[in-house]
Amino acid sequence: AEYHRKVDEARGYPEEFVDALTKAGWMAA
């Protein structure tokens, strides 16, 4: 939760999270 909270506070984009999903193959489902 701390990760997503910090991304939200910074109004950022969760690059690391999306990259991890991609590398694991989930974004190519």
mmCIF file of all heavy atoms, coordinates in Angstrom:
data_MODEL
# 
_entry.id   MODEL 
# 
loop_
_atom_site.group_PDB 
_atom_site.id 
_atom_site.type_symbol 
_atom_site.label_atom_id 
_atom_site.label_alt_id 
_atom_site.label_comp_id 
_atom_site.label_asym_id 
_atom_site.label_entity_id 
_atom_site.label_seq_id 
_atom_site.pdbx_PDB_ins_code 
_atom_site.Cartn_x 
_atom_site.Cartn_y 
_atom_site.Cartn_z 
_atom_site.occupancy 
_atom_site.B_iso_or_equiv 
_atom_site.pdbx_formal_charge 
_atom_site.auth_seq_id 
_atom_site.auth_comp_id 
_atom_site.auth_asym_id 
_atom_site.auth_atom_id 
_atom_site.pdbx_PDB_model_num 
ATOM 1   N N   . ALA A 1 1  ? 0.815  -1.212  0.000   1.00 0.00 ? 1  ALA A N   1 
ATOM 2   C CA  . ALA A 1 1  ? 0.000  0.000   0.000   1.00 0.00 ? 1  ALA A CA  1 
ATOM 3   C C   . ALA A 1 1  ? 0.848  1.262   0.000   1.00 0.00 ? 1  ALA A C   1 
ATOM 4   O O   . ALA A 1 1  ? 0.491  2.264   -0.640  1.00 0.00 ? 1  ALA A O   1 
ATOM 5   C CB  . ALA A 1 1  ? -0.933 -0.009  1.210   1.00 0.00 ? 1  ALA A CB  1 
ATOM 6   N N   . GLU A 1 2  ? 1.976  1.223   0.687   1.00 0.00 ? 2  GLU A N   1 
ATOM 7   C CA  . GLU A 1 2  ? 2.843  2.401   0.746   1.00 0.00 ? 2  GLU A CA  1 
ATOM 8   C C   . GLU A 1 2  ? 3.309  2.826   -0.637  1.00 0.00 ? 2  GLU A C   1 
ATOM 9   O O   . GLU A 1 2  ? 3.422  4.030   -0.923  1.00 0.00 ? 2  GLU A O   1 
ATOM 10  C CB  . GLU A 1 2  ? 4.071  2.123   1.631   1.00 0.00 ? 2  GLU A CB  1 
ATOM 11  C CG  . GLU A 1 2  ? 3.757  1.946   3.100   1.00 0.00 ? 2  GLU A CG  1 
ATOM 12  C CD  . GLU A 1 2  ? 3.222  0.557   3.436   1.00 0.00 ? 2  GLU A CD  1 
ATOM 13  O OE1 . GLU A 1 2  ? 3.232  -0.316  2.533   1.00 0.00 ? 2  GLU A OE1 1 
ATOM 14  O OE2 . GLU A 1 2  ? 2.790  0.350   4.584   1.00 0.00 ? 2  GLU A OE2 1 
ATOM 15  N N   . TYR A 1 3  ? 3.579  1.862   -1.505  1.00 0.00 ? 3  TYR A N   1 
ATOM 16  C CA  . TYR A 1 3  ? 4.019  2.176   -2.865  1.00 0.00 ? 3  TYR A CA  1 
ATOM 17  C C   . TYR A 1 3  ? 2.933  2.935   -3.619  1.00 0.00 ? 3  TYR A C   1 
ATOM 18  O O   . TYR A 1 3  ? 3.182  4.002   -4.199  1.00 0.00 ? 3  TYR A O   1 
ATOM 19  C CB  . TYR A 1 3  ? 4.376  0.889   -3.613  1.00 0.00 ? 3  TYR A CB  1 
ATOM 20  C CG  . TYR A 1 3  ? 4.622  1.098   -5.096  1.00 0.00 ? 3  TYR A CG  1 
ATOM 21  C CD1 . TYR A 1 3  ? 5.856  1.543   -5.562  1.00 0.00 ? 3  TYR A CD1 1 
ATOM 22  C CD2 . TYR A 1 3  ? 3.608  0.858   -6.022  1.00 0.00 ? 3  TYR A CD2 1 
ATOM 23  C CE1 . TYR A 1 3  ? 6.077  1.752   -6.921  1.00 0.00 ? 3  TYR A CE1 1 
ATOM 24  C CE2 . TYR A 1 3  ? 3.816  1.063   -7.375  1.00 0.00 ? 3  TYR A CE2 1 
ATOM 25  C CZ  . TYR A 1 3  ? 5.054  1.512   -7.819  1.00 0.00 ? 3  TYR A CZ  1 
ATOM 26  O OH  . TYR A 1 3  ? 5.261  1.723   -9.171  1.00 0.00 ? 3  TYR A OH  1 
ATOM 27  N N   . HIS A 1 4  ? 1.725  2.401   -3.625  1.00 0.00 ? 4  HIS A N   1 
ATOM 28  C CA  . HIS A 1 4  ? 0.629  3.029   -4.359  1.00 0.00 ? 4  HIS A CA  1 
ATOM 29  C C   . HIS A 1 4  ? 0.255  4.376   -3.743  1.00 0.00 ? 4  HIS A C   1 
ATOM 30  O O   . HIS A 1 4  ? -0.136 5.306   -4.455  1.00 0.00 ? 4  HIS A O   1 
ATOM 31  C CB  . HIS A 1 4  ? -0.573 2.093   -4.389  1.00 0.00 ? 4  HIS A CB  1 
ATOM 32  C CG  . HIS A 1 4  ? -0.310 0.817   -5.137  1.00 0.00 ? 4  HIS A CG  1 
ATOM 33  N ND1 . HIS A 1 4  ? -0.180 0.771   -6.502  1.00 0.00 ? 4  HIS A ND1 1 
ATOM 34  C CD2 . HIS A 1 4  ? -0.143 -0.455  -4.689  1.00 0.00 ? 4  HIS A CD2 1 
ATOM 35  C CE1 . HIS A 1 4  ? 0.051  -0.480  -6.880  1.00 0.00 ? 4  HIS A CE1 1 
ATOM 36  N NE2 . HIS A 1 4  ? 0.079  -1.237  -5.798  1.00 0.00 ? 4  HIS A NE2 1 
ATOM 37  N N   . ARG A 1 5  ? 0.393  4.478   -2.414  1.00 0.00 ? 5  ARG A N   1 
ATOM 38  C CA  . ARG A 1 5  ? 0.099  5.735   -1.740  1.00 0.00 ? 5  ARG A CA  1 
ATOM 39  C C   . ARG A 1 5  ? 1.070  6.826   -2.176  1.00 0.00 ? 5  ARG A C   1 
ATOM 40  O O   . ARG A 1 5  ? 0.676  7.958   -2.457  1.00 0.00 ? 5  ARG A O   1 
ATOM 41  C CB  . ARG A 1 5  ? 0.167  5.536   -0.226  1.00 0.00 ? 5  ARG A CB  1 
ATOM 42  C CG  . ARG A 1 5  ? -0.455 6.658   0.593   1.00 0.00 ? 5  ARG A CG  1 
ATOM 43  C CD  . ARG A 1 5  ? -0.295 6.367   2.081   1.00 0.00 ? 5  ARG A CD  1 
ATOM 44  N NE  . ARG A 1 5  ? -0.746 5.014   2.403   1.00 0.00 ? 5  ARG A NE  1 
ATOM 45  C CZ  . ARG A 1 5  ? -0.105 4.187   3.231   1.00 0.00 ? 5  ARG A CZ  1 
ATOM 46  N NH1 . ARG A 1 5  ? 1.023  4.560   3.798   1.00 0.00 ? 5  ARG A NH1 1 
ATOM 47  N NH2 . ARG A 1 5  ? -0.591 2.975   3.485   1.00 0.00 ? 5  ARG A NH2 1 
ATOM 48  N N   . LYS A 1 6  ? 2.345  6.487   -2.270  1.00 0.00 ? 6  LYS A N   1 
ATOM 49  C CA  . LYS A 1 6  ? 3.356  7.467   -2.676  1.00 0.00 ? 6  LYS A CA  1 
ATOM 50  C C   . LYS A 1 6  ? 3.173  7.881   -4.135  1.00 0.00 ? 6  LYS A C   1 
ATOM 51  O O   . LYS A 1 6  ? 3.346  9.048   -4.487  1.00 0.00 ? 6  LYS A O   1 
ATOM 52  C CB  . LYS A 1 6  ? 4.756  6.891   -2.449  1.00 0.00 ? 6  LYS A CB  1 
ATOM 53  C CG  . LYS A 1 6  ? 5.138  6.801   -0.983  1.00 0.00 ? 6  LYS A CG  1 
ATOM 54  C CD  . LYS A 1 6  ? 6.520  6.185   -0.802  1.00 0.00 ? 6  LYS A CD  1 
ATOM 55  C CE  . LYS A 1 6  ? 6.888  6.094   0.676   1.00 0.00 ? 6  LYS A CE  1 
ATOM 56  N NZ  . LYS A 1 6  ? 8.217  5.453   0.879   1.00 0.00 ? 6  LYS A NZ  1 
ATOM 57  N N   . VAL A 1 7  ? 2.819  6.927   -4.985  1.00 0.00 ? 7  VAL A N   1 
ATOM 58  C CA  . VAL A 1 7  ? 2.559  7.254   -6.393  1.00 0.00 ? 7  VAL A CA  1 
ATOM 59  C C   . VAL A 1 7  ? 1.388  8.220   -6.485  1.00 0.00 ? 7  VAL A C   1 
ATOM 60  O O   . VAL A 1 7  ? 1.419  9.199   -7.244  1.00 0.00 ? 7  VAL A O   1 
ATOM 61  C CB  . VAL A 1 7  ? 2.273  5.970   -7.207  1.00 0.00 ? 7  VAL A CB  1 
ATOM 62  C CG1 . VAL A 1 7  ? 1.735  6.321   -8.598  1.00 0.00 ? 7  VAL A CG1 1 
ATOM 63  C CG2 . VAL A 1 7  ? 3.530  5.120   -7.332  1.00 0.00 ? 7  VAL A CG2 1 
ATOM 64  N N   . ASP A 1 8  ? 0.352  7.961   -5.687  1.00 0.00 ? 8  ASP A N   1 
ATOM 65  C CA  . ASP A 1 8  ? -0.825 8.828   -5.699  1.00 0.00 ? 8  ASP A CA  1 
ATOM 66  C C   . ASP A 1 8  ? -0.479 10.223  -5.191  1.00 0.00 ? 8  ASP A C   1 
ATOM 67  O O   . ASP A 1 8  ? -0.890 11.229  -5.785  1.00 0.00 ? 8  ASP A O   1 
ATOM 68  C CB  . ASP A 1 8  ? -1.922 8.209   -4.836  1.00 0.00 ? 8  ASP A CB  1 
ATOM 69  C CG  . ASP A 1 8  ? -3.197 9.044   -4.828  1.00 0.00 ? 8  ASP A CG  1 
ATOM 70  O OD1 . ASP A 1 8  ? -3.881 9.100   -5.857  1.00 0.00 ? 8  ASP A OD1 1 
ATOM 71  O OD2 . ASP A 1 8  ? -3.498 9.650   -3.778  1.00 0.00 ? 8  ASP A OD2 1 
ATOM 72  N N   . GLU A 1 9  ? 0.271  10.292  -4.111  1.00 0.00 ? 9  GLU A N   1 
ATOM 73  C CA  . GLU A 1 9  ? 0.642  11.584  -3.526  1.00 0.00 ? 9  GLU A CA  1 
ATOM 74  C C   . GLU A 1 9  ? 1.476  12.414  -4.500  1.00 0.00 ? 9  GLU A C   1 
ATOM 75  O O   . GLU A 1 9  ? 1.336  13.636  -4.568  1.00 0.00 ? 9  GLU A O   1 
ATOM 76  C CB  . GLU A 1 9  ? 1.411  11.367  -2.223  1.00 0.00 ? 9  GLU A CB  1 
ATOM 77  C CG  . GLU A 1 9  ? 0.545  10.840  -1.083  1.00 0.00 ? 9  GLU A CG  1 
ATOM 78  C CD  . GLU A 1 9  ? 1.371  10.446  0.133   1.00 0.00 ? 9  GLU A CD  1 
ATOM 79  O OE1 . GLU A 1 9  ? 2.623  10.519  0.045   1.00 0.00 ? 9  GLU A OE1 1 
ATOM 80  O OE2 . GLU A 1 9  ? 0.771  10.050  1.150   1.00 0.00 ? 9  GLU A OE2 1 
ATOM 81  N N   . ALA A 1 10 ? 2.325  11.750  -5.279  1.00 0.00 ? 10 ALA A N   1 
ATOM 82  C CA  . ALA A 1 10 ? 3.183  12.445  -6.240  1.00 0.00 ? 10 ALA A CA  1 
ATOM 83  C C   . ALA A 1 10 ? 2.474  12.679  -7.572  1.00 0.00 ? 10 ALA A C   1 
ATOM 84  O O   . ALA A 1 10 ? 3.046  13.288  -8.471  1.00 0.00 ? 10 ALA A O   1 
ATOM 85  C CB  . ALA A 1 10 ? 4.461  11.639  -6.468  1.00 0.00 ? 10 ALA A CB  1 
ATOM 86  N N   . ARG A 1 11 ? 1.246  12.195  -7.673  1.00 0.00 ? 11 ARG A N   1 
ATOM 87  C CA  . ARG A 1 11 ? 0.505  12.223  -8.939  1.00 0.00 ? 11 ARG A CA  1 
ATOM 88  C C   . ARG A 1 11 ? 1.379  11.656  -10.055 1.00 0.00 ? 11 ARG A C   1 
ATOM 89  O O   . ARG A 1 11 ? 1.472  12.193  -11.157 1.00 0.00 ? 11 ARG A O   1 
ATOM 90  C CB  . ARG A 1 11 ? 0.024  13.641  -9.269  1.00 0.00 ? 11 ARG A CB  1 
ATOM 91  C CG  . ARG A 1 11 ? -0.869 14.258  -8.200  1.00 0.00 ? 11 ARG A CG  1 
ATOM 92  C CD  . ARG A 1 11 ? -1.597 15.498  -8.663  1.00 0.00 ? 11 ARG A CD  1 
ATOM 93  N NE  . ARG A 1 11 ? -2.705 15.163  -9.541  1.00 0.00 ? 11 ARG A NE  1 
ATOM 94  C CZ  . ARG A 1 11 ? -3.943 14.893  -9.128  1.00 0.00 ? 11 ARG A CZ  1 
ATOM 95  N NH1 . ARG A 1 11 ? -4.229 14.911  -7.839  1.00 0.00 ? 11 ARG A NH1 1 
ATOM 96  N NH2 . ARG A 1 11 ? -4.890 14.600  -9.989  1.00 0.00 ? 11 ARG A NH2 1 
ATOM 97  N N   . GLY A 1 12 ? 2.026  10.541  -9.720  1.00 0.00 ? 12 GLY A N   1 
ATOM 98  C CA  . GLY A 1 12 ? 2.935  9.895   -10.653 1.00 0.00 ? 12 GLY A CA  1 
ATOM 99  C C   . GLY A 1 12 ? 2.293  8.713   -11.357 1.00 0.00 ? 12 GLY A C   1 
ATOM 100 O O   . GLY A 1 12 ? 1.088  8.469   -11.244 1.00 0.00 ? 12 GLY A O   1 
ATOM 101 N N   . TYR A 1 13 ? 3.121  7.978   -12.076 1.00 0.00 ? 13 TYR A N   1 
ATOM 102 C CA  . TYR A 1 13 ? 2.677  6.784   -12.789 1.00 0.00 ? 13 TYR A CA  1 
ATOM 103 C C   . TYR A 1 13 ? 3.454  5.597   -12.228 1.00 0.00 ? 13 TYR A C   1 
ATOM 104 O O   . TYR A 1 13 ? 4.679  5.678   -12.046 1.00 0.00 ? 13 TYR A O   1 
ATOM 105 C CB  . TYR A 1 13 ? 2.945  6.937   -14.287 1.00 0.00 ? 13 TYR A CB  1 
ATOM 106 C CG  . TYR A 1 13 ? 2.448  5.786   -15.126 1.00 0.00 ? 13 TYR A CG  1 
ATOM 107 C CD1 . TYR A 1 13 ? 1.106  5.696   -15.484 1.00 0.00 ? 13 TYR A CD1 1 
ATOM 108 C CD2 . TYR A 1 13 ? 3.316  4.788   -15.553 1.00 0.00 ? 13 TYR A CD2 1 
ATOM 109 C CE1 . TYR A 1 13 ? 0.650  4.633   -16.254 1.00 0.00 ? 13 TYR A CE1 1 
ATOM 110 C CE2 . TYR A 1 13 ? 2.864  3.719   -16.324 1.00 0.00 ? 13 TYR A CE2 1 
ATOM 111 C CZ  . TYR A 1 13 ? 1.529  3.649   -16.670 1.00 0.00 ? 13 TYR A CZ  1 
ATOM 112 O OH  . TYR A 1 13 ? 1.070  2.593   -17.435 1.00 0.00 ? 13 TYR A OH  1 
ATOM 113 N N   . PRO A 1 14 ? 2.791  4.489   -11.938 1.00 0.00 ? 14 PRO A N   1 
ATOM 114 C CA  . PRO A 1 14 ? 3.473  3.348   -11.321 1.00 0.00 ? 14 PRO A CA  1 
ATOM 115 C C   . PRO A 1 14 ? 4.324  2.550   -12.319 1.00 0.00 ? 14 PRO A C   1 
ATOM 116 O O   . PRO A 1 14 ? 4.029  1.388   -12.628 1.00 0.00 ? 14 PRO A O   1 
ATOM 117 C CB  . PRO A 1 14 ? 2.313  2.516   -10.768 1.00 0.00 ? 14 PRO A CB  1 
ATOM 118 C CG  . PRO A 1 14 ? 1.188  2.794   -11.713 1.00 0.00 ? 14 PRO A CG  1 
ATOM 119 C CD  . PRO A 1 14 ? 1.342  4.238   -12.100 1.00 0.00 ? 14 PRO A CD  1 
ATOM 120 N N   . GLU A 1 15 ? 5.373  3.171   -12.813 1.00 0.00 ? 15 GLU A N   1 
ATOM 121 C CA  . GLU A 1 15 ? 6.213  2.557   -13.844 1.00 0.00 ? 15 GLU A CA  1 
ATOM 122 C C   . GLU A 1 15 ? 6.747  1.195   -13.414 1.00 0.00 ? 15 GLU A C   1 
ATOM 123 O O   . GLU A 1 15 ? 6.697  0.219   -14.176 1.00 0.00 ? 15 GLU A O   1 
ATOM 124 C CB  . GLU A 1 15 ? 7.387  3.480   -14.190 1.00 0.00 ? 15 GLU A CB  1 
ATOM 125 C CG  . GLU A 1 15 ? 7.019  4.701   -15.002 1.00 0.00 ? 15 GLU A CG  1 
ATOM 126 C CD  . GLU A 1 15 ? 6.827  4.404   -16.482 1.00 0.00 ? 15 GLU A CD  1 
ATOM 127 O OE1 . GLU A 1 15 ? 6.963  3.230   -16.879 1.00 0.00 ? 15 GLU A OE1 1 
ATOM 128 O OE2 . GLU A 1 15 ? 6.532  5.348   -17.232 1.00 0.00 ? 15 GLU A OE2 1 
ATOM 129 N N   . GLU A 1 16 ? 7.268  1.128   -12.189 1.00 0.00 ? 16 GLU A N   1 
ATOM 130 C CA  . GLU A 1 16 ? 7.874  -0.120  -11.715 1.00 0.00 ? 16 GLU A CA  1 
ATOM 131 C C   . GLU A 1 16 ? 6.843  -1.240  -11.652 1.00 0.00 ? 16 GLU A C   1 
ATOM 132 O O   . GLU A 1 16 ? 7.133  -2.389  -12.004 1.00 0.00 ? 16 GLU A O   1 
ATOM 133 C CB  . GLU A 1 16 ? 8.514  0.078   -10.341 1.00 0.00 ? 16 GLU A CB  1 
ATOM 134 C CG  . GLU A 1 16 ? 9.568  1.166   -10.277 1.00 0.00 ? 16 GLU A CG  1 
ATOM 135 C CD  . GLU A 1 16 ? 9.005  2.551   -10.016 1.00 0.00 ? 16 GLU A CD  1 
ATOM 136 O OE1 . GLU A 1 16 ? 7.757  2.695   -9.978  1.00 0.00 ? 16 GLU A OE1 1 
ATOM 137 O OE2 . GLU A 1 16 ? 9.811  3.491   -9.853  1.00 0.00 ? 16 GLU A OE2 1 
ATOM 138 N N   . PHE A 1 17 ? 5.653  -0.895  -11.214 1.00 0.00 ? 17 PHE A N   1 
ATOM 139 C CA  . PHE A 1 17 ? 4.581  -1.883  -11.100 1.00 0.00 ? 17 PHE A CA  1 
ATOM 140 C C   . PHE A 1 17 ? 4.150  -2.381  -12.474 1.00 0.00 ? 17 PHE A C   1 
ATOM 141 O O   . PHE A 1 17 ? 4.028  -3.596  -12.697 1.00 0.00 ? 17 PHE A O   1 
ATOM 142 C CB  . PHE A 1 17 ? 3.403  -1.264  -10.351 1.00 0.00 ? 17 PHE A CB  1 
ATOM 143 C CG  . PHE A 1 17 ? 2.231  -2.197  -10.166 1.00 0.00 ? 17 PHE A CG  1 
ATOM 144 C CD1 . PHE A 1 17 ? 2.378  -3.401  -9.502  1.00 0.00 ? 17 PHE A CD1 1 
ATOM 145 C CD2 . PHE A 1 17 ? 0.979  -1.862  -10.657 1.00 0.00 ? 17 PHE A CD2 1 
ATOM 146 C CE1 . PHE A 1 17 ? 1.303  -4.268  -9.322  1.00 0.00 ? 17 PHE A CE1 1 
ATOM 147 C CE2 . PHE A 1 17 ? -0.106 -2.713  -10.487 1.00 0.00 ? 17 PHE A CE2 1 
ATOM 148 C CZ  . PHE A 1 17 ? 0.056  -3.916  -9.821  1.00 0.00 ? 17 PHE A CZ  1 
ATOM 149 N N   . VAL A 1 18 ? 3.936  -1.469  -13.406 1.00 0.00 ? 18 VAL A N   1 
ATOM 150 C CA  . VAL A 1 18 ? 3.513  -1.853  -14.757 1.00 0.00 ? 18 VAL A CA  1 
ATOM 151 C C   . VAL A 1 18 ? 4.617  -2.648  -15.447 1.00 0.00 ? 18 VAL A C   1 
ATOM 152 O O   . VAL A 1 18 ? 4.349  -3.635  -16.149 1.00 0.00 ? 18 VAL A O   1 
ATOM 153 C CB  . VAL A 1 18 ? 3.118  -0.612  -15.584 1.00 0.00 ? 18 VAL A CB  1 
ATOM 154 C CG1 . VAL A 1 18 ? 2.783  -1.013  -17.022 1.00 0.00 ? 18 VAL A CG1 1 
ATOM 155 C CG2 . VAL A 1 18 ? 1.924  0.095   -14.947 1.00 0.00 ? 18 VAL A CG2 1 
ATOM 156 N N   . ASP A 1 19 ? 5.865  -2.262  -15.241 1.00 0.00 ? 19 ASP A N   1 
ATOM 157 C CA  . ASP A 1 19 ? 6.987  -3.009  -15.821 1.00 0.00 ? 19 ASP A CA  1 
ATOM 158 C C   . ASP A 1 19 ? 7.032  -4.432  -15.268 1.00 0.00 ? 19 ASP A C   1 
ATOM 159 O O   . ASP A 1 19 ? 7.293  -5.395  -16.006 1.00 0.00 ? 19 ASP A O   1 
ATOM 160 C CB  . ASP A 1 19 ? 8.315  -2.304  -15.539 1.00 0.00 ? 19 ASP A CB  1 
ATOM 161 C CG  . ASP A 1 19 ? 8.516  -1.071  -16.413 1.00 0.00 ? 19 ASP A CG  1 
ATOM 162 O OD1 . ASP A 1 19 ? 7.798  -0.932  -17.424 1.00 0.00 ? 19 ASP A OD1 1 
ATOM 163 O OD2 . ASP A 1 19 ? 9.388  -0.244  -16.079 1.00 0.00 ? 19 ASP A OD2 1 
ATOM 164 N N   . ALA A 1 20 ? 6.782  -4.569  -13.977 1.00 0.00 ? 20 ALA A N   1 
ATOM 165 C CA  . ALA A 1 20 ? 6.791  -5.892  -13.358 1.00 0.00 ? 20 ALA A CA  1 
ATOM 166 C C   . ALA A 1 20 ? 5.669  -6.766  -13.923 1.00 0.00 ? 20 ALA A C   1 
ATOM 167 O O   . ALA A 1 20 ? 5.875  -7.962  -14.195 1.00 0.00 ? 20 ALA A O   1 
ATOM 168 C CB  . ALA A 1 20 ? 6.653  -5.767  -11.839 1.00 0.00 ? 20 ALA A CB  1 
ATOM 169 N N   . LEU A 1 21 ? 4.485  -6.181  -14.104 1.00 0.00 ? 21 LEU A N   1 
ATOM 170 C CA  . LEU A 1 21 ? 3.368  -6.914  -14.712 1.00 0.00 ? 21 LEU A CA  1 
ATOM 171 C C   . LEU A 1 21 ? 3.715  -7.354  -16.126 1.00 0.00 ? 21 LEU A C   1 
ATOM 172 O O   . LEU A 1 21 ? 3.396  -8.474  -16.544 1.00 0.00 ? 21 LEU A O   1 
ATOM 173 C CB  . LEU A 1 21 ? 2.116  -6.035  -14.744 1.00 0.00 ? 21 LEU A CB  1 
ATOM 174 C CG  . LEU A 1 21 ? 1.401  -5.771  -13.422 1.00 0.00 ? 21 LEU A CG  1 
ATOM 175 C CD1 . LEU A 1 21 ? 0.372  -4.661  -13.590 1.00 0.00 ? 21 LEU A CD1 1 
ATOM 176 C CD2 . LEU A 1 21 ? 0.717  -7.039  -12.904 1.00 0.00 ? 21 LEU A CD2 1 
ATOM 177 N N   . THR A 1 22 ? 4.389  -6.475  -16.860 1.00 0.00 ? 22 THR A N   1 
ATOM 178 C CA  . THR A 1 22 ? 4.761  -6.781  -18.241 1.00 0.00 ? 22 THR A CA  1 
ATOM 179 C C   . THR A 1 22 ? 5.790  -7.901  -18.287 1.00 0.00 ? 22 THR A C   1 
ATOM 180 O O   . THR A 1 22 ? 5.652  -8.856  -19.058 1.00 0.00 ? 22 THR A O   1 
ATOM 181 C CB  . THR A 1 22 ? 5.324  -5.522  -18.930 1.00 0.00 ? 22 THR A CB  1 
ATOM 182 O OG1 . THR A 1 22 ? 4.351  -4.469  -18.873 1.00 0.00 ? 22 THR A OG1 1 
ATOM 183 C CG2 . THR A 1 22 ? 5.650  -5.811  -20.391 1.00 0.00 ? 22 THR A CG2 1 
ATOM 184 N N   . LYS A 1 23 ? 6.830  -7.787  -17.465 1.00 0.00 ? 23 LYS A N   1 
ATOM 185 C CA  . LYS A 1 23 ? 7.887  -8.806  -17.447 1.00 0.00 ? 23 LYS A CA  1 
ATOM 186 C C   . LYS A 1 23 ? 7.347  -10.170 -17.025 1.00 0.00 ? 23 LYS A C   1 
ATOM 187 O O   . LYS A 1 23 ? 7.836  -11.213 -17.479 1.00 0.00 ? 23 LYS A O   1 
ATOM 188 C CB  . LYS A 1 23 ? 9.014  -8.361  -16.519 1.00 0.00 ? 23 LYS A CB  1 
ATOM 189 C CG  . LYS A 1 23 ? 9.818  -7.190  -17.065 1.00 0.00 ? 23 LYS A CG  1 
ATOM 190 C CD  . LYS A 1 23 ? 10.863 -6.703  -16.067 1.00 0.00 ? 23 LYS A CD  1 
ATOM 191 C CE  . LYS A 1 23 ? 11.604 -5.490  -16.608 1.00 0.00 ? 23 LYS A CE  1 
ATOM 192 N NZ  . LYS A 1 23 ? 12.574 -4.930  -15.622 1.00 0.00 ? 23 LYS A NZ  1 
ATOM 193 N N   . ALA A 1 24 ? 6.343  -10.166 -16.169 1.00 0.00 ? 24 ALA A N   1 
ATOM 194 C CA  . ALA A 1 24 ? 5.745  -11.431 -15.730 1.00 0.00 ? 24 ALA A CA  1 
ATOM 195 C C   . ALA A 1 24 ? 4.791  -12.012 -16.770 1.00 0.00 ? 24 ALA A C   1 
ATOM 196 O O   . ALA A 1 24 ? 4.298  -13.131 -16.600 1.00 0.00 ? 24 ALA A O   1 
ATOM 197 C CB  . ALA A 1 24 ? 5.011  -11.218 -14.409 1.00 0.00 ? 24 ALA A CB  1 
ATOM 198 N N   . GLY A 1 25 ? 4.518  -11.249 -17.826 1.00 0.00 ? 25 GLY A N   1 
ATOM 199 C CA  . GLY A 1 25 ? 3.661  -11.732 -18.905 1.00 0.00 ? 25 GLY A CA  1 
ATOM 200 C C   . GLY A 1 25 ? 2.196  -11.409 -18.761 1.00 0.00 ? 25 GLY A C   1 
ATOM 201 O O   . GLY A 1 25 ? 1.399  -11.729 -19.659 1.00 0.00 ? 25 GLY A O   1 
ATOM 202 N N   . TRP A 1 26 ? 1.805  -10.750 -17.668 1.00 0.00 ? 26 TRP A N   1 
ATOM 203 C CA  . TRP A 1 26 ? 0.376  -10.513 -17.440 1.00 0.00 ? 26 TRP A CA  1 
ATOM 204 C C   . TRP A 1 26 ? -0.207 -9.509  -18.420 1.00 0.00 ? 26 TRP A C   1 
ATOM 205 O O   . TRP A 1 26 ? -1.383 -9.609  -18.785 1.00 0.00 ? 26 TRP A O   1 
ATOM 206 C CB  . TRP A 1 26 ? 0.143  -10.044 -16.002 1.00 0.00 ? 26 TRP A CB  1 
ATOM 207 C CG  . TRP A 1 26 ? 0.547  -11.050 -14.976 1.00 0.00 ? 26 TRP A CG  1 
ATOM 208 C CD1 . TRP A 1 26 ? 1.484  -10.916 -13.994 1.00 0.00 ? 26 TRP A CD1 1 
ATOM 209 C CD2 . TRP A 1 26 ? 0.040  -12.386 -14.835 1.00 0.00 ? 26 TRP A CD2 1 
ATOM 210 N NE1 . TRP A 1 26 ? 1.597  -12.072 -13.256 1.00 0.00 ? 26 TRP A NE1 1 
ATOM 211 C CE2 . TRP A 1 26 ? 0.716  -12.991 -13.755 1.00 0.00 ? 26 TRP A CE2 1 
ATOM 212 C CE3 . TRP A 1 26 ? -0.919 -13.137 -15.529 1.00 0.00 ? 26 TRP A CE3 1 
ATOM 213 C CZ2 . TRP A 1 26 ? 0.467  -14.297 -13.344 1.00 0.00 ? 26 TRP A CZ2 1 
ATOM 214 C CZ3 . TRP A 1 26 ? -1.170 -14.446 -15.110 1.00 0.00 ? 26 TRP A CZ3 1 
ATOM 215 C CH2 . TRP A 1 26 ? -0.480 -15.005 -14.037 1.00 0.00 ? 26 TRP A CH2 1 
ATOM 216 N N   . MET A 1 27 ? 0.583  -8.550  -18.882 1.00 0.00 ? 27 MET A N   1 
ATOM 217 C CA  . MET A 1 27 ? 0.063  -7.563  -19.821 1.00 0.00 ? 27 MET A CA  1 
ATOM 218 C C   . MET A 1 27 ? -0.082 -8.121  -21.232 1.00 0.00 ? 27 MET A C   1 
ATOM 219 O O   . MET A 1 27 ? -0.633 -7.466  -22.119 1.00 0.00 ? 27 MET A O   1 
ATOM 220 C CB  . MET A 1 27 ? 0.958  -6.321  -19.841 1.00 0.00 ? 27 MET A CB  1 
ATOM 221 C CG  . MET A 1 27 ? 1.054  -5.591  -18.517 1.00 0.00 ? 27 MET A CG  1 
ATOM 222 S SD  . MET A 1 27 ? -0.560 -5.259  -17.765 1.00 0.00 ? 27 MET A SD  1 
ATOM 223 C CE  . MET A 1 27 ? -1.317 -4.233  -19.001 1.00 0.00 ? 27 MET A CE  1 
ATOM 224 N N   . ALA A 1 28 ? 0.414  -9.332  -21.448 1.00 0.00 ? 28 ALA A N   1 
ATOM 225 C CA  . ALA A 1 28 ? 0.285  -9.992  -22.746 1.00 0.00 ? 28 ALA A CA  1 
ATOM 226 C C   . ALA A 1 28 ? -0.739 -11.121 -22.690 1.00 0.00 ? 28 ALA A C   1 
ATOM 227 O O   . ALA A 1 28 ? -0.765 -11.990 -23.564 1.00 0.00 ? 28 ALA A O   1 
ATOM 228 C CB  . ALA A 1 28 ? 1.638  -10.539 -23.201 1.00 0.00 ? 28 ALA A CB  1 
ATOM 229 N N   . ALA A 1 29 ? -1.578 -11.091 -21.682 1.00 0.00 ? 29 ALA A N   1 
ATOM 230 C CA  . ALA A 1 29 ? -2.521 -12.193 -21.459 1.00 0.00 ? 29 ALA A CA  1 
ATOM 231 C C   . ALA A 1 29 ? -3.419 -12.448 -22.664 1.00 0.00 ? 29 ALA A C   1 
ATOM 232 O O   . ALA A 1 29 ? -3.697 -13.608 -23.015 1.00 0.00 ? 29 ALA A O   1 
ATOM 233 C CB  . ALA A 1 29 ? -3.376 -11.901 -20.230 1.00 0.00 ? 29 ALA A CB  1 
# 
